[in-house]
Amino acid sequence: MTKEEAMKSGRELDVYLDSEMADEKTGALDDLWQSIYDVVQLCTGGIMESDPREIEAALQWLKEVQPLTKDYKTLSLDFDN
């Protein structure tokens, strides 16, 4: 997957609409990844509600795209079950 494909697929996630969408200003994959990560973390922590299938799709996206990020390559996905 290219960075462009990662950006497109990340923006298509249902949870993207609940994120801060920081990538809209910067166009940076890392900002998109962080926005999705934050939503998943809030949902798995019980702070936000979301369909479990949407969270699972977002978590899979995070895992797949993480190697393409600059600053989050080694960040633990500690909310992963």
C-alpha atoms as a PDB file:
ATOM      1  CA  MET A   1       0.000   0.000   0.000  1.00  0.00           C
ATOM      2  CA  THR A   2       1.257   3.450  -0.873  1.00  0.00           C
ATOM      3  CA  LYS A   3       0.875   6.498   1.342  1.00  0.00           C
ATOM      4  CA  GLU A   4      -1.721   7.862  -1.067  1.00  0.00           C
ATOM      5  CA  GLU A   5      -3.752   4.638  -0.812  1.00  0.00           C
ATOM      6  CA  ALA A   6      -3.398   4.723   2.970  1.00  0.00           C
ATOM      7  CA  MET A   7      -4.690   8.295   3.087  1.00  0.00           C
ATOM      8  CA  LYS A   8      -7.664   7.439   0.881  1.00  0.00           C
ATOM      9  CA  SER A   9      -8.626   4.312   2.814  1.00  0.00           C
ATOM     10  CA  GLY A  10      -8.183   6.064   6.179  1.00  0.00           C
ATOM     11  CA  ARG A  11     -10.487   8.876   5.159  1.00  0.00           C
ATOM     12  CA  GLU A  12     -13.087   6.290   4.134  1.00  0.00           C
ATOM     13  CA  LEU A  13     -13.228   4.750   7.610  1.00  0.00           C
ATOM     14  CA  ASP A  14     -16.449   5.440   9.507  1.00  0.00           C
ATOM     15  CA  VAL A  15     -14.463   6.532  12.565  1.00  0.00           C
ATOM     16  CA  TYR A  16     -12.734   9.228  10.515  1.00  0.00           C
ATOM     17  CA  LEU A  17     -15.849  11.376  10.841  1.00  0.00           C
ATOM     18  CA  ASP A  18     -15.423  11.257  14.634  1.00  0.00           C
ATOM     19  CA  SER A  19     -11.744  12.155  14.493  1.00  0.00           C
ATOM     20  CA  GLU A  20     -10.141  15.571  14.624  1.00  0.00           C
ATOM     21  CA  MET A  21      -9.257  15.208  10.918  1.00  0.00           C
ATOM     22  CA  ALA A  22      -5.905  16.889  11.489  1.00  0.00           C
ATOM     23  CA  ASP A  23      -4.714  15.672   8.106  1.00  0.00           C
ATOM     24  CA  GLU A  24      -7.089  18.054   6.329  1.00  0.00           C
ATOM     25  CA  LYS A  25      -4.807  20.948   7.209  1.00  0.00           C
ATOM     26  CA  THR A  26      -1.469  19.213   6.744  1.00  0.00           C
ATOM     27  CA  GLY A  27      -2.098  16.417   4.239  1.00  0.00           C
ATOM     28  CA  ALA A  28       0.220  14.271   6.382  1.00  0.00           C
ATOM     29  CA  LEU A  29      -0.281  10.556   6.847  1.00  0.00           C
ATOM     30  CA  ASP A  30       1.026  10.786  10.412  1.00  0.00           C
ATOM     31  CA  ASP A  31      -1.717  13.275  11.269  1.00  0.00           C
ATOM     32  CA  LEU A  32      -4.380  11.005   9.791  1.00  0.00           C
ATOM     33  CA  TRP A  33      -2.951   7.994  11.625  1.00  0.00           C
ATOM     34  CA  GLN A  34      -2.910   9.868  14.939  1.00  0.00           C
ATOM     35  CA  SER A  35      -6.502  11.048  14.438  1.00  0.00           C
ATOM     36  CA  ILE A  36      -7.735   7.483  13.823  1.00  0.00           C
ATOM     37  CA  TYR A  37      -5.592   6.163  16.688  1.00  0.00           C
ATOM     38  CA  ASP A  38      -7.153   8.666  19.098  1.00  0.00           C
ATOM     39  CA  VAL A  39     -10.702   7.640  18.165  1.00  0.00           C
ATOM     40  CA  VAL A  40      -9.916   3.938  18.534  1.00  0.00           C
ATOM     41  CA  GLN A  41      -8.311   4.584  21.903  1.00  0.00           C
ATOM     42  CA  LEU A  42     -11.326   6.573  23.120  1.00  0.00           C
ATOM     43  CA  CYS A  43     -13.775   3.932  21.919  1.00  0.00           C
ATOM     44  CA  THR A  44     -11.908   0.971  23.359  1.00  0.00           C
ATOM     45  CA  GLY A  45     -11.579   2.894  26.625  1.00  0.00           C
ATOM     46  CA  GLY A  46     -15.328   3.371  26.820  1.00  0.00           C
ATOM     47  CA  ILE A  47     -15.178   7.163  26.490  1.00  0.00           C
ATOM     48  CA  MET A  48     -16.822   7.220  23.056  1.00  0.00           C
ATOM     49  CA  GLU A  49     -19.322   4.822  21.581  1.00  0.00           C
ATOM     50  CA  SER A  50     -18.931   3.253  18.167  1.00  0.00           C
ATOM     51  CA  ASP A  51     -19.911   0.103  16.326  1.00  0.00           C
ATOM     52  CA  PRO A  52     -17.388  -2.627  17.212  1.00  0.00           C
ATOM     53  CA  ARG A  53     -17.030  -3.463  13.508  1.00  0.00           C
ATOM     54  CA  GLU A  54     -16.007   0.126  12.789  1.00  0.00           C
ATOM     55  CA  ILE A  55     -13.417   0.022  15.546  1.00  0.00           C
ATOM     56  CA  GLU A  56     -12.054  -3.308  14.286  1.00  0.00           C
ATOM     57  CA  ALA A  57     -11.771  -1.891  10.754  1.00  0.00           C
ATOM     58  CA  ALA A  58      -9.937   1.150  12.110  1.00  0.00           C
ATOM     59  CA  LEU A  59      -7.619  -1.017  14.198  1.00  0.00           C
ATOM     60  CA  GLN A  60      -6.758  -3.139  11.161  1.00  0.00           C
ATOM     61  CA  TRP A  61      -6.060   0.044   9.193  1.00  0.00           C
ATOM     62  CA  LEU A  62      -3.783   1.324  11.966  1.00  0.00           C
ATOM     63  CA  LYS A  63      -1.800  -1.924  11.932  1.00  0.00           C
ATOM     64  CA  GLU A  64      -1.505  -2.002   8.157  1.00  0.00           C
ATOM     65  CA  VAL A  65      -0.519   1.637   7.772  1.00  0.00           C
ATOM     66  CA  GLN A  66       1.738   1.991  10.838  1.00  0.00           C
ATOM     67  CA  PRO A  67       4.922   1.011   8.931  1.00  0.00           C
ATOM     68  CA  LEU A  68       4.280   3.880   6.498  1.00  0.00           C
ATOM     69  CA  THR A  69       4.208   6.499   9.253  1.00  0.00           C
ATOM     70  CA  LYS A  70       7.190   8.593  10.189  1.00  0.00           C
ATOM     71  CA  ASP A  71       6.640   9.092  13.924  1.00  0.00           C
ATOM     72  CA  TYR A  72       4.442   6.132  14.928  1.00  0.00           C
ATOM     73  CA  LYS A  73       6.290   3.083  13.602  1.00  0.00           C
ATOM     74  CA  THR A  74       6.936   1.724  17.084  1.00  0.00           C
ATOM     75  CA  LEU A  75       3.942   3.075  19.006  1.00  0.00           C
ATOM     76  CA  SER A  76       2.240   0.287  20.894  1.00  0.00           C
ATOM     77  CA  LEU A  77      -1.365  -0.422  20.047  1.00  0.00           C
ATOM     78  CA  ASP A  78      -1.938  -1.273  23.716  1.00  0.00           C
ATOM     79  CA  PHE A  79      -5.704  -1.217  23.336  1.00  0.00           C
ATOM     80  CA  ASP A  80      -5.452  -4.160  20.916  1.00  0.00           C
ATOM     81  CA  ASN A  81      -7.105  -7.258  22.338  1.00  0.00           C
END
